[in-house]
Amino acid sequence: MLALAATGLSSAGADARGVTSSSITVAGLGYSAYYQTAAVGAQARFKAINDAGGIAGRKINFTGWNDDGSNPNTNLTQAKQLVQQAGVFAIVPVITPYMVSGSYLAAQKVPFVGWAISQQFCSNNYGFGFTGCIVPPPPVNVAGATWGELVNQELASQGGAKGKAAAVIAEDNDSGKAGAVVIGASAKAAGMKVTYQQASIPALPAVVGDYSPYVNAIMTSNGGKPPDAVFLTLAFQNVQGMAKGLEQAGYKGIITNAVAYDPSLTASAKGQSAFTQFATPEAAATNPNMAAIVKQIQAVNGTKPIGQAILAGYFSADFFVKVLQKVGKNLTPARFAAAAATLRYGISGVVGTTKYPAGRKLGTPCGQLIQSDGTQWNIVAPYHCYWNVPLSNPSRHLPY
């Protein structure tokens, strides 16, 4: 029994690292500069379940967030420390572009749950994204129609997306090249003609000093005139640079991105439309599920603004809790992985439904479009689920 206590194991067996008769130990991991507040969301969800008595007699012991600095080597080192020294059962939440430790964690039978912005969540028996595999490894054959359909709603006042022109710009790396193709297909699926589709922006950590060549190329891409919508599939720094450049060039169409939604960025993001994979607190007035989530987060964070990272941490923790409830008393990594492998995860009108095992290879084609007017964010297109499309034929709808 002393050996079991020292390693955090329970009498349930040697596989139950981090599990005792009264607790389940987990920790968060990711890039602090962008995602550290995910720990707030996770803490909120874990507090709610612990206050309700826990799961099968156990409460979740969340030891906090660990920073990998967006560095692949640090990510692996941190993961090994959490497994070998801290003895965690699982790593929740995980949000980092460099989740190179995914293979190691799978080999050690350590579940990890998070926002799957890394390829190592995909086709990993122990890795689970609450919106599925959103950065699939090449070759990429399927895209979600969601972002294009949401922008289509914003274009509705101009007659809809049919016949409208769109530009897609991404960074010059593997994920950017794949992203440009995927988002181009999403725009085409909504009825737009894509007049510019390039992964041409230097990828981080490179710093772009002059965005004007990229702005000029987009502004003249539609037969010498600007397109009706510009999809910025870029890191935040480049989103801000391109958006400013387009505005200074007199662009009057829709500028949309997937990273700028944040209550602290309301003024700087004025006029931009942000695609989010889940509903945001602005939906709380009409969605009781969102209102309940906001209340739980405020219980640990007061009235501070709730951004995407906090919500991603909450959903990661909620996914984890749902799997634990499905497993029940006899908790082992293998039983957790088996239960998660067939989970249908969602919160009505807020996130999902993400369906496993499809979620190992595909992202969940759902989302919301929200726009800043400089003083507040307003929902342009409410949260809704759409469909996937084959890149070879974006007009075809694939069931999800």
Protein backbone atom coordinates (compact mmCIF):
# COMPACT_ATOMS: atom_id res chain seq x y z
CA MET A 1 0.00 0.00 0.00
CA LEU A 2 2.91 2.40 0.67
CA ALA A 3 4.15 1.89 -2.89
CA LEU A 4 0.70 2.59 -4.24
CA ALA A 5 0.41 5.78 -2.24
CA ALA A 6 3.82 7.01 -3.35
CA THR A 7 2.99 6.67 -7.04
CA GLY A 8 -0.59 7.90 -6.85
CA LEU A 9 -1.95 4.49 -7.85
CA SER A 10 -5.06 2.92 -6.47
CA SER A 11 -5.83 -0.67 -5.74
CA ALA A 12 -7.72 -0.70 -9.05
CA GLY A 13 -4.49 -1.76 -10.72
CA ALA A 14 -1.16 -0.59 -12.07
CA ASP A 15 -2.79 1.13 -15.02
CA ALA A 16 -4.59 3.63 -12.77
CA ARG A 17 -1.81 6.22 -12.47
CA GLY A 18 -3.11 9.37 -10.80
CA VAL A 19 -6.28 7.68 -9.52
CA THR A 20 -7.09 6.98 -5.88
CA SER A 21 -10.33 6.00 -4.23
CA SER A 22 -11.15 9.69 -3.72
CA SER A 23 -9.33 11.65 -6.43
CA ILE A 24 -8.26 11.89 -10.08
CA THR A 25 -5.19 14.03 -10.71
CA VAL A 26 -4.96 16.02 -13.94
CA ALA A 27 -2.96 19.01 -15.21
CA GLY A 28 -3.10 21.44 -18.12
CA LEU A 29 -0.47 21.95 -20.81
CA GLY A 30 0.01 24.46 -23.59
CA TYR A 31 1.22 27.80 -24.84
CA SER A 32 0.78 30.30 -22.01
CA ALA A 33 1.12 33.44 -24.11
CA TYR A 34 -2.17 32.67 -25.87
CA TYR A 35 -3.93 29.95 -23.92
CA GLN A 36 -3.03 30.06 -20.22
CA THR A 37 -6.50 31.26 -19.24
CA ALA A 38 -7.80 27.88 -20.41
CA ALA A 39 -6.92 26.83 -16.86
CA VAL A 40 -9.68 29.16 -15.58
CA GLY A 41 -12.30 27.42 -17.69
CA ALA A 42 -11.10 23.98 -16.62
CA GLN A 43 -11.06 25.01 -12.98
CA ALA A 44 -14.63 26.26 -13.29
CA ARG A 45 -15.93 22.98 -14.73
CA PHE A 46 -13.99 20.86 -12.26
CA LYS A 47 -15.21 22.97 -9.34
CA ALA A 48 -18.81 22.52 -10.47
CA ILE A 49 -18.53 18.73 -10.65
CA ASN A 50 -16.56 18.52 -7.38
CA ASP A 51 -19.14 20.68 -5.61
CA ALA A 52 -21.79 18.28 -6.90
CA GLY A 53 -20.02 15.36 -5.23
CA GLY A 54 -17.54 14.34 -7.89
CA ILE A 55 -17.74 11.24 -10.07
CA ALA A 56 -18.10 7.74 -8.64
CA GLY A 57 -16.83 8.97 -5.28
CA ARG A 58 -13.81 10.76 -6.72
CA LYS A 59 -13.10 14.47 -7.04
CA ILE A 60 -10.86 15.95 -9.70
CA ASN A 61 -7.54 17.30 -8.46
CA PHE A 62 -6.52 19.90 -11.04
CA THR A 63 -2.89 20.87 -10.38
CA GLY A 64 -2.80 23.80 -12.80
CA TRP A 65 -1.33 24.90 -16.11
CA ASN A 66 2.12 24.08 -17.50
CA ASP A 67 3.71 26.29 -20.17
CA ASP A 68 5.43 24.71 -23.18
CA GLY A 69 6.34 28.09 -24.67
CA SER A 70 5.08 26.88 -28.06
CA ASN A 71 8.31 24.89 -28.21
CA PRO A 72 8.23 21.23 -29.33
CA ASN A 73 11.10 20.16 -27.05
CA THR A 74 9.57 21.87 -24.03
CA ASN A 75 6.21 20.32 -24.79
CA LEU A 76 7.70 16.83 -24.64
CA THR A 77 9.73 17.62 -21.51
CA GLN A 78 6.70 19.02 -19.70
CA ALA A 79 4.56 16.03 -20.64
CA LYS A 80 7.20 13.60 -19.36
CA GLN A 81 7.42 15.48 -16.06
CA LEU A 82 3.66 15.39 -15.62
CA VAL A 83 3.60 11.65 -16.23
CA GLN A 84 6.81 10.49 -14.55
CA GLN A 85 7.04 12.94 -11.65
CA ALA A 86 3.57 14.37 -11.04
CA GLY A 87 1.87 11.06 -11.86
CA VAL A 88 -1.18 12.55 -13.55
CA PHE A 89 -3.97 10.36 -14.87
CA ALA A 90 -4.64 12.71 -17.78
CA ILE A 91 -3.59 16.06 -19.24
CA VAL A 92 -6.57 18.43 -19.47
CA PRO A 93 -6.79 20.96 -21.03
CA VAL A 94 -4.20 20.78 -23.81
CA ILE A 95 -3.94 23.75 -26.19
CA THR A 96 -0.74 24.19 -28.18
CA PRO A 97 0.29 24.13 -31.85
CA TYR A 98 3.25 21.88 -30.99
CA MET A 99 1.73 18.87 -29.24
CA VAL A 100 4.67 16.62 -30.15
CA SER A 101 4.17 14.70 -26.90
CA GLY A 102 1.01 13.07 -28.25
CA SER A 103 2.81 9.92 -29.36
CA TYR A 104 4.62 9.66 -26.03
CA LEU A 105 1.39 10.05 -24.07
CA ALA A 106 -0.35 7.41 -26.18
CA ALA A 107 2.53 5.00 -25.56
CA GLN A 108 2.25 5.68 -21.81
CA LYS A 109 -1.55 5.34 -21.95
CA VAL A 110 -2.13 8.87 -20.68
CA PRO A 111 -5.33 10.46 -22.03
CA PHE A 112 -5.17 14.09 -23.16
CA VAL A 113 -8.14 16.30 -23.98
CA GLY A 114 -8.18 19.79 -25.45
CA TRP A 115 -8.66 22.10 -28.38
CA ALA A 116 -7.09 20.07 -31.18
CA ILE A 117 -4.99 22.72 -32.92
CA SER A 118 -2.22 20.14 -33.33
CA GLN A 119 -2.13 17.17 -35.70
CA GLN A 120 -1.23 14.78 -32.88
CA PHE A 121 -4.82 14.76 -31.68
CA CYS A 122 -5.82 13.09 -34.93
CA SER A 123 -5.92 9.27 -35.12
CA ASN A 124 -4.48 9.07 -31.60
CA ASN A 125 -6.11 6.48 -29.36
CA TYR A 126 -5.53 8.63 -26.26
CA GLY A 127 -5.98 12.14 -27.68
CA PHE A 128 -9.40 13.82 -27.93
CA GLY A 129 -10.40 17.25 -29.19
CA PHE A 130 -13.75 18.59 -28.07
CA THR A 131 -14.34 19.77 -31.65
CA GLY A 132 -12.62 16.76 -33.19
CA CYS A 133 -9.54 16.65 -35.42
CA ILE A 134 -9.36 20.21 -36.77
CA VAL A 135 -5.77 20.07 -38.11
CA PRO A 136 -5.64 16.75 -39.97
CA PRO A 137 -2.33 15.54 -41.41
CA PRO A 138 -1.96 15.54 -45.20
CA PRO A 139 -3.40 14.60 -47.53
CA VAL A 140 -6.48 16.62 -46.63
CA ASN A 141 -9.52 15.56 -48.66
CA VAL A 142 -12.44 16.99 -46.68
CA ALA A 143 -13.29 20.47 -45.42
CA GLY A 144 -16.00 21.86 -43.17
CA ALA A 145 -18.45 24.18 -44.90
CA THR A 146 -19.07 26.14 -41.70
CA TRP A 147 -16.98 29.30 -42.07
CA GLY A 148 -18.14 29.89 -45.62
CA GLU A 149 -21.78 29.38 -44.67
CA LEU A 150 -21.49 31.78 -41.74
CA VAL A 151 -19.95 34.47 -43.95
CA ASN A 152 -22.74 33.76 -46.41
CA GLN A 153 -25.18 34.91 -43.74
CA GLU A 154 -23.24 38.13 -43.33
CA LEU A 155 -23.39 38.59 -47.11
CA ALA A 156 -27.13 37.99 -47.11
CA SER A 157 -27.87 41.73 -47.08
CA GLN A 158 -25.93 41.92 -50.34
CA GLY A 159 -27.84 39.08 -51.96
CA GLY A 160 -25.97 36.15 -50.43
CA ALA A 161 -22.67 34.48 -51.32
CA LYS A 162 -23.62 33.23 -54.77
CA GLY A 163 -21.55 35.12 -57.31
CA LYS A 164 -19.53 36.89 -54.62
CA ALA A 165 -15.73 36.78 -54.69
CA ALA A 166 -13.49 35.69 -51.82
CA ALA A 167 -9.78 35.78 -51.06
CA VAL A 168 -8.03 33.36 -48.71
CA ILE A 169 -4.57 34.06 -47.33
CA ALA A 170 -2.53 31.91 -44.96
CA GLU A 171 1.03 31.51 -43.70
CA ASP A 172 3.76 29.76 -45.64
CA ASN A 173 4.01 26.54 -43.66
CA ASP A 174 2.41 23.10 -43.86
CA SER A 175 -0.65 23.98 -41.80
CA GLY A 176 -1.08 27.26 -43.70
CA LYS A 177 -0.92 25.54 -47.07
CA ALA A 178 -3.51 23.00 -45.97
CA GLY A 179 -5.62 25.70 -44.33
CA ALA A 180 -5.74 27.84 -47.48
CA VAL A 181 -7.11 24.90 -49.45
CA VAL A 182 -9.63 23.93 -46.77
CA ILE A 183 -10.98 27.46 -46.26
CA GLY A 184 -11.04 28.01 -50.01
CA ALA A 185 -13.26 24.94 -50.29
CA SER A 186 -15.50 26.29 -47.51
CA ALA A 187 -15.98 29.55 -49.40
CA LYS A 188 -16.71 27.70 -52.63
CA ALA A 189 -19.21 25.48 -50.83
CA ALA A 190 -21.14 28.61 -49.84
CA GLY A 191 -21.30 29.77 -53.46
CA MET A 192 -18.35 32.17 -53.60
CA LYS A 193 -15.74 32.24 -56.33
CA VAL A 194 -12.24 32.21 -54.85
CA THR A 195 -10.09 34.74 -56.70
CA TYR A 196 -7.03 34.50 -54.43
CA GLN A 197 -5.89 31.46 -52.43
CA GLN A 198 -2.31 31.64 -51.22
CA ALA A 199 -0.17 30.55 -48.27
CA SER A 200 2.16 33.48 -48.84
CA ILE A 201 2.69 35.24 -45.49
CA PRO A 202 6.00 34.31 -43.78
CA ALA A 203 5.21 32.01 -40.87
CA LEU A 204 6.05 32.81 -37.27
CA PRO A 205 8.50 33.54 -35.76
CA ALA A 206 9.26 35.63 -38.86
CA VAL A 207 8.11 39.24 -38.54
CA VAL A 208 6.43 40.87 -41.53
CA GLY A 209 7.50 44.49 -41.87
CA ASP A 210 5.38 45.38 -44.87
CA TYR A 211 2.00 43.80 -45.65
CA SER A 212 1.35 45.97 -48.72
CA PRO A 213 2.42 43.37 -51.34
CA TYR A 214 -0.13 40.89 -49.96
CA VAL A 215 -2.79 43.58 -49.59
CA ASN A 216 -2.27 44.79 -53.15
CA ALA A 217 -2.48 41.25 -54.54
CA ILE A 218 -5.81 40.70 -52.79
CA MET A 219 -7.22 44.12 -53.69
CA THR A 220 -6.76 43.43 -57.41
CA SER A 221 -7.54 39.70 -57.41
CA ASN A 222 -11.16 40.00 -58.52
CA GLY A 223 -10.59 41.11 -62.10
CA GLY A 224 -8.66 44.17 -60.95
CA LYS A 225 -11.00 44.99 -58.08
CA PRO A 226 -11.33 43.79 -54.46
CA PRO A 227 -13.17 40.59 -53.51
CA ASP A 228 -16.29 40.75 -51.36
CA ALA A 229 -14.76 38.84 -48.43
CA VAL A 230 -11.22 38.15 -47.23
CA PHE A 231 -10.56 35.09 -45.07
CA LEU A 232 -7.47 35.63 -42.91
CA THR A 233 -6.36 32.14 -41.85
CA LEU A 234 -3.39 33.55 -39.97
CA ALA A 235 -1.80 33.85 -36.55
CA PHE A 236 -3.03 36.81 -34.52
CA GLN A 237 -0.06 39.09 -35.28
CA ASN A 238 -0.53 38.64 -39.01
CA VAL A 239 -4.30 39.00 -38.77
CA GLN A 240 -3.85 42.41 -37.20
CA GLY A 241 -1.25 43.44 -39.78
CA MET A 242 -3.31 42.32 -42.77
CA ALA A 243 -6.56 43.78 -41.43
CA LYS A 244 -4.91 47.16 -40.86
CA GLY A 245 -3.33 47.04 -44.31
CA LEU A 246 -6.64 46.24 -46.00
CA GLU A 247 -8.42 49.01 -44.14
CA GLN A 248 -5.71 51.54 -45.05
CA ALA A 249 -6.05 50.47 -48.69
CA GLY A 250 -9.74 51.37 -48.55
CA TYR A 251 -11.15 47.86 -48.46
CA LYS A 252 -14.89 47.90 -47.70
CA GLY A 253 -15.75 44.19 -47.79
CA ILE A 254 -15.86 41.57 -45.05
CA ILE A 255 -12.61 40.86 -43.20
CA THR A 256 -12.95 37.61 -41.30
CA ASN A 257 -10.56 35.55 -39.19
CA ALA A 258 -10.58 32.75 -36.65
CA VAL A 259 -8.44 34.23 -33.85
CA ALA A 260 -9.37 37.85 -33.08
CA TYR A 261 -12.47 37.28 -30.92
CA ASP A 262 -11.51 38.41 -27.44
CA PRO A 263 -13.29 40.91 -25.20
CA SER A 264 -9.96 42.69 -24.62
CA LEU A 265 -9.55 43.23 -28.38
CA THR A 266 -12.93 44.81 -29.06
CA ALA A 267 -11.56 48.20 -30.09
CA SER A 268 -8.63 46.94 -32.17
CA ALA A 269 -10.83 44.42 -34.00
CA LYS A 270 -13.44 47.00 -35.05
CA GLY A 271 -15.21 45.91 -38.22
CA GLN A 272 -13.74 42.41 -38.23
CA SER A 273 -15.84 39.24 -38.17
CA ALA A 274 -14.41 36.40 -36.11
CA PHE A 275 -15.29 32.76 -36.68
CA THR A 276 -15.51 30.77 -33.45
CA GLN A 277 -16.02 27.02 -33.23
CA PHE A 278 -18.40 27.47 -30.33
CA ALA A 279 -20.86 29.98 -28.97
CA THR A 280 -19.56 32.86 -26.85
CA PRO A 281 -20.97 34.71 -23.81
CA GLU A 282 -22.77 37.14 -26.11
CA ALA A 283 -25.23 34.28 -26.71
CA ALA A 284 -26.04 33.92 -23.00
CA ALA A 285 -29.07 36.24 -23.14
CA THR A 286 -30.94 33.80 -25.37
CA ASN A 287 -29.20 30.51 -24.59
CA PRO A 288 -29.65 29.14 -21.06
CA ASN A 289 -26.84 26.62 -21.54
CA MET A 290 -24.38 29.41 -22.32
CA ALA A 291 -25.73 31.41 -19.38
CA ALA A 292 -25.06 28.46 -17.06
CA ILE A 293 -21.47 28.16 -18.33
CA VAL A 294 -20.87 31.87 -17.80
CA LYS A 295 -22.18 31.54 -14.23
CA GLN A 296 -19.81 28.64 -13.48
CA ILE A 297 -16.82 30.54 -14.87
CA GLN A 298 -17.72 33.66 -12.92
CA ALA A 299 -17.77 31.56 -9.75
CA VAL A 300 -13.99 31.20 -10.04
CA ASN A 301 -13.06 34.27 -12.10
CA GLY A 302 -15.48 36.99 -11.07
CA THR A 303 -16.74 39.30 -13.80
CA LYS A 304 -13.51 39.30 -15.82
CA PRO A 305 -13.99 38.97 -19.60
CA ILE A 306 -14.42 35.44 -20.96
CA GLY A 307 -12.37 34.79 -24.11
CA GLN A 308 -11.95 31.78 -26.37
CA ALA A 309 -9.14 30.23 -24.31
CA ILE A 310 -11.27 30.16 -21.15
CA LEU A 311 -14.14 28.57 -23.06
CA ALA A 312 -11.81 26.03 -24.69
CA GLY A 313 -10.54 25.06 -21.24
CA TYR A 314 -14.11 24.68 -20.00
CA PHE A 315 -15.17 22.48 -22.92
CA SER A 316 -12.04 20.34 -22.60
CA ALA A 317 -12.81 19.75 -18.93
CA ASP A 318 -16.48 19.10 -19.68
CA PHE A 319 -15.55 16.51 -22.32
CA PHE A 320 -13.29 14.85 -19.73
CA VAL A 321 -16.07 14.85 -17.13
CA LYS A 322 -18.55 13.32 -19.59
CA VAL A 323 -16.15 10.47 -20.33
CA LEU A 324 -15.52 9.86 -16.61
CA GLN A 325 -19.26 9.66 -16.04
CA LYS A 326 -19.54 7.15 -18.87
CA VAL A 327 -16.73 4.99 -17.41
CA GLY A 328 -17.94 4.98 -13.83
CA LYS A 329 -16.12 3.51 -10.84
CA ASN A 330 -13.59 1.21 -12.53
CA LEU A 331 -11.42 3.93 -14.04
CA THR A 332 -8.32 3.03 -16.03
CA PRO A 333 -6.71 4.76 -19.02
CA ALA A 334 -7.81 1.96 -21.32
CA ARG A 335 -11.43 2.18 -20.15
CA PHE A 336 -11.33 5.97 -20.50
CA ALA A 337 -9.98 5.73 -24.05
CA ALA A 338 -12.58 3.14 -25.00
CA ALA A 339 -15.44 5.26 -23.62
CA ALA A 340 -14.19 8.43 -25.33
CA ALA A 341 -13.78 6.59 -28.64
CA THR A 342 -17.57 6.36 -29.03
CA LEU A 343 -18.61 9.56 -27.25
CA ARG A 344 -21.03 12.07 -28.75
CA TYR A 345 -19.98 15.32 -27.09
CA GLY A 346 -21.94 18.53 -27.19
CA ILE A 347 -23.82 21.23 -25.31
CA SER A 348 -26.95 22.28 -27.17
CA GLY A 349 -26.54 25.61 -28.93
CA VAL A 350 -23.02 26.04 -27.57
CA VAL A 351 -20.57 23.41 -28.86
CA GLY A 352 -20.66 20.16 -30.86
CA THR A 353 -22.05 17.65 -31.36
CA THR A 354 -18.63 16.07 -31.91
CA LYS A 355 -19.04 12.43 -32.81
CA TYR A 356 -16.34 9.88 -32.13
CA PRO A 357 -14.84 7.87 -33.79
CA ALA A 358 -15.37 10.31 -36.71
CA GLY A 359 -13.75 12.99 -34.54
CA ARG A 360 -10.40 11.21 -34.84
CA LYS A 361 -10.18 12.27 -38.48
CA LEU A 362 -12.62 15.16 -38.94
CA GLY A 363 -13.41 18.44 -37.26
CA THR A 364 -16.94 19.25 -36.15
CA PRO A 365 -18.54 21.50 -38.83
CA CYS A 366 -20.16 23.93 -36.41
CA GLY A 367 -19.56 27.54 -35.44
CA GLN A 368 -20.60 31.12 -34.93
CA LEU A 369 -19.67 34.44 -36.57
CA ILE A 370 -19.29 37.48 -34.33
CA GLN A 371 -18.31 41.03 -35.26
CA SER A 372 -16.80 43.91 -33.30
CA ASP A 373 -18.29 47.38 -33.70
CA GLY A 374 -15.45 48.88 -31.69
CA THR A 375 -17.30 48.92 -28.38
CA GLN A 376 -18.81 45.44 -28.19
CA TRP A 377 -19.03 42.14 -30.04
CA ASN A 378 -22.30 41.31 -31.80
CA ILE A 379 -23.34 37.92 -33.15
CA VAL A 380 -23.69 38.14 -36.93
CA ALA A 381 -24.53 34.48 -37.50
CA PRO A 382 -25.58 32.40 -34.46
CA TYR A 383 -24.02 29.07 -33.58
CA HIS A 384 -25.10 26.35 -35.98
CA CYS A 385 -23.84 23.07 -37.39
CA TYR A 386 -23.42 22.58 -41.13
CA TRP A 387 -21.69 19.80 -43.09
CA ASN A 388 -18.39 18.68 -44.57
CA VAL A 389 -17.52 18.84 -48.27
CA PRO A 390 -14.97 16.93 -50.39
CA LEU A 391 -12.24 19.25 -51.69
CA SER A 392 -12.71 17.74 -55.13
CA ASN A 393 -16.38 18.79 -55.20
CA PRO A 394 -17.27 21.52 -52.63
CA SER A 395 -20.89 21.60 -53.79
CA ARG A 396 -21.45 18.09 -52.44
CA HIS A 397 -22.65 17.73 -48.85
CA LEU A 398 -21.17 14.96 -46.72
CA PRO A 399 -23.19 13.91 -43.68
CA TYR A 400 -21.49 14.26 -40.30
